[in-house]
N, C-alpha and C. Protein backbone atom coordinates (compact mmCIF):
# COMPACT_ATOMS: atom_id res chain seq x y z
N MET A 1 115.28 123.70 146.91
CA MET A 1 115.45 122.25 146.99
C MET A 1 116.75 121.96 147.74
N ASP A 2 116.70 121.03 148.60
CA ASP A 2 117.86 120.63 149.38
C ASP A 2 118.77 119.76 148.52
N LYS A 3 120.08 119.87 148.76
CA LYS A 3 121.03 119.08 147.97
C LYS A 3 120.80 117.58 148.17
N LYS A 4 120.44 117.21 149.38
CA LYS A 4 120.21 115.80 149.69
C LYS A 4 119.04 115.26 148.88
N GLU A 5 117.98 116.05 148.74
CA GLU A 5 116.81 115.61 147.97
C GLU A 5 117.16 115.46 146.50
N ALA A 6 117.98 116.37 145.96
CA ALA A 6 118.37 116.30 144.55
C ALA A 6 119.21 115.05 144.30
N GLY A 7 120.09 114.72 145.23
CA GLY A 7 120.92 113.52 145.08
C GLY A 7 120.09 112.26 145.11
N GLN A 8 119.09 112.23 145.96
CA GLN A 8 118.24 111.06 146.04
C GLN A 8 117.43 110.89 144.76
N SER A 9 116.91 111.97 144.22
CA SER A 9 116.10 111.82 143.01
C SER A 9 116.98 111.39 141.84
N ARG A 10 118.22 111.85 141.81
CA ARG A 10 119.13 111.41 140.75
C ARG A 10 119.42 109.92 140.87
N ARG A 11 119.61 109.47 142.09
CA ARG A 11 119.86 108.04 142.29
C ARG A 11 118.65 107.21 141.88
N ASP A 12 117.47 107.70 142.24
CA ASP A 12 116.25 106.99 141.86
C ASP A 12 116.12 106.92 140.34
N PHE A 13 116.44 108.02 139.67
CA PHE A 13 116.38 108.04 138.21
C PHE A 13 117.36 107.03 137.61
N LEU A 14 118.57 106.99 138.13
CA LEU A 14 119.57 106.06 137.60
C LEU A 14 119.18 104.61 137.86
N LYS A 15 118.56 104.35 139.00
CA LYS A 15 118.09 102.99 139.28
C LYS A 15 117.02 102.59 138.27
N LEU A 16 116.11 103.51 138.03
CA LEU A 16 115.04 103.24 137.08
C LEU A 16 115.60 103.04 135.67
N ALA A 17 116.53 103.88 135.28
CA ALA A 17 117.13 103.78 133.95
C ALA A 17 117.89 102.45 133.81
N GLY A 18 118.51 102.02 134.88
CA GLY A 18 119.26 100.76 134.85
C GLY A 18 118.37 99.55 134.69
N THR A 19 117.14 99.63 135.16
CA THR A 19 116.24 98.49 135.02
C THR A 19 115.36 98.61 133.78
N ALA A 20 115.12 99.83 133.31
CA ALA A 20 114.25 100.02 132.15
C ALA A 20 114.95 99.63 130.85
N ALA A 21 116.24 99.88 130.75
CA ALA A 21 116.96 99.58 129.52
C ALA A 21 116.95 98.08 129.18
N PRO A 22 117.28 97.20 130.10
CA PRO A 22 117.22 95.77 129.77
C PRO A 22 115.80 95.30 129.46
N ALA A 23 114.81 95.89 130.13
CA ALA A 23 113.43 95.51 129.85
C ALA A 23 113.04 95.91 128.43
N ALA A 24 113.49 97.07 127.99
CA ALA A 24 113.18 97.53 126.63
C ALA A 24 113.87 96.63 125.60
N VAL A 25 115.08 96.22 125.87
CA VAL A 25 115.81 95.33 124.95
C VAL A 25 115.10 93.98 124.87
N ALA A 26 114.66 93.46 125.99
CA ALA A 26 113.96 92.18 126.00
C ALA A 26 112.64 92.27 125.24
N ALA A 27 111.92 93.36 125.41
CA ALA A 27 110.65 93.53 124.71
C ALA A 27 110.88 93.64 123.21
N ALA A 28 111.93 94.32 122.80
CA ALA A 28 112.23 94.45 121.38
C ALA A 28 112.65 93.11 120.77
N ALA A 29 113.36 92.32 121.55
CA ALA A 29 113.81 91.02 121.05
C ALA A 29 112.65 90.04 120.90
N LEU A 30 111.64 90.16 121.75
CA LEU A 30 110.52 89.23 121.71
C LEU A 30 109.46 89.61 120.69
N ALA A 31 109.39 90.89 120.33
CA ALA A 31 108.36 91.37 119.39
C ALA A 31 108.77 91.01 117.96
N PRO A 32 107.84 90.48 117.17
CA PRO A 32 108.18 90.16 115.79
C PRO A 32 108.35 91.44 114.98
N ASP A 33 109.29 91.43 114.07
CA ASP A 33 109.55 92.59 113.22
C ASP A 33 108.61 92.55 112.03
N SER A 34 107.77 93.55 111.89
CA SER A 34 106.76 93.54 110.82
C SER A 34 107.41 93.61 109.44
N ALA A 35 108.55 94.28 109.32
CA ALA A 35 109.21 94.36 108.02
C ALA A 35 109.72 92.97 107.60
N GLU A 36 110.27 92.24 108.55
CA GLU A 36 110.74 90.90 108.23
C GLU A 36 109.57 89.98 107.92
N ALA A 37 108.48 90.14 108.64
CA ALA A 37 107.31 89.29 108.40
C ALA A 37 106.73 89.56 107.01
N ALA A 38 106.65 90.81 106.60
CA ALA A 38 106.12 91.15 105.29
C ALA A 38 107.06 90.64 104.18
N GLU A 39 108.36 90.72 104.43
CA GLU A 39 109.33 90.25 103.44
C GLU A 39 109.26 88.74 103.29
N ALA A 40 109.07 88.05 104.40
CA ALA A 40 109.03 86.60 104.38
C ALA A 40 107.78 86.09 103.65
N THR A 41 106.66 86.78 103.81
CA THR A 41 105.43 86.32 103.16
C THR A 41 105.29 86.88 101.75
N GLY A 42 106.08 87.91 101.42
CA GLY A 42 106.00 88.49 100.09
C GLY A 42 104.84 89.45 99.92
N GLU A 43 104.16 89.81 101.02
CA GLU A 43 103.00 90.69 100.92
C GLU A 43 103.42 92.12 100.59
N GLY A 44 104.27 92.70 101.40
CA GLY A 44 104.67 94.08 101.19
C GLY A 44 103.52 95.04 101.36
N MET A 45 103.57 96.17 100.68
CA MET A 45 102.52 97.18 100.78
C MET A 45 101.41 96.86 99.80
N ARG A 46 100.19 96.93 100.29
CA ARG A 46 99.05 96.70 99.40
C ARG A 46 98.75 97.99 98.66
N LYS A 47 98.58 97.92 97.37
CA LYS A 47 98.34 99.11 96.55
C LYS A 47 96.85 99.43 96.54
N THR A 48 96.38 99.97 97.65
CA THR A 48 94.98 100.40 97.71
C THR A 48 94.88 101.77 97.06
N GLU A 49 93.68 102.25 96.90
CA GLU A 49 93.46 103.52 96.20
C GLU A 49 94.16 104.68 96.90
N HIS A 50 94.07 104.76 98.23
CA HIS A 50 94.72 105.89 98.91
C HIS A 50 96.23 105.80 98.86
N VAL A 51 96.78 104.58 98.81
CA VAL A 51 98.22 104.42 98.69
C VAL A 51 98.67 104.87 97.30
N LYS A 52 97.91 104.52 96.28
CA LYS A 52 98.25 104.95 94.92
C LYS A 52 98.23 106.46 94.81
N LYS A 53 97.23 107.10 95.42
CA LYS A 53 97.15 108.57 95.38
C LYS A 53 98.34 109.20 96.08
N TYR A 54 98.73 108.64 97.21
CA TYR A 54 99.89 109.17 97.91
C TYR A 54 101.15 109.02 97.07
N LEU A 55 101.35 107.85 96.49
CA LEU A 55 102.54 107.64 95.69
C LEU A 55 102.60 108.58 94.49
N GLU A 56 101.45 108.84 93.89
CA GLU A 56 101.41 109.79 92.78
C GLU A 56 101.77 111.20 93.24
N SER A 57 101.29 111.59 94.40
CA SER A 57 101.56 112.95 94.90
C SER A 57 103.00 113.10 95.38
N ALA A 58 103.68 112.00 95.71
CA ALA A 58 105.03 112.08 96.23
C ALA A 58 106.09 112.02 95.13
N ARG A 59 105.68 111.83 93.89
CA ARG A 59 106.66 111.77 92.80
C ARG A 59 107.26 113.13 92.55
N PHE A 60 108.51 113.11 92.12
CA PHE A 60 109.21 114.36 91.82
C PHE A 60 109.32 114.56 90.33
């Protein structure tokens, strides 16, 4: 690999990283947080049969 090609690919990577980070932050800010939504409605985890079995098996 030529040194010039390696430098160009590094620059391309840094350009992409510089634009991807703000996009990821914006997407995270716009997406509703499911934990907050469940807390606000008071629903939480539904105690279905498979959830009860898991909780029983996870006890110490």
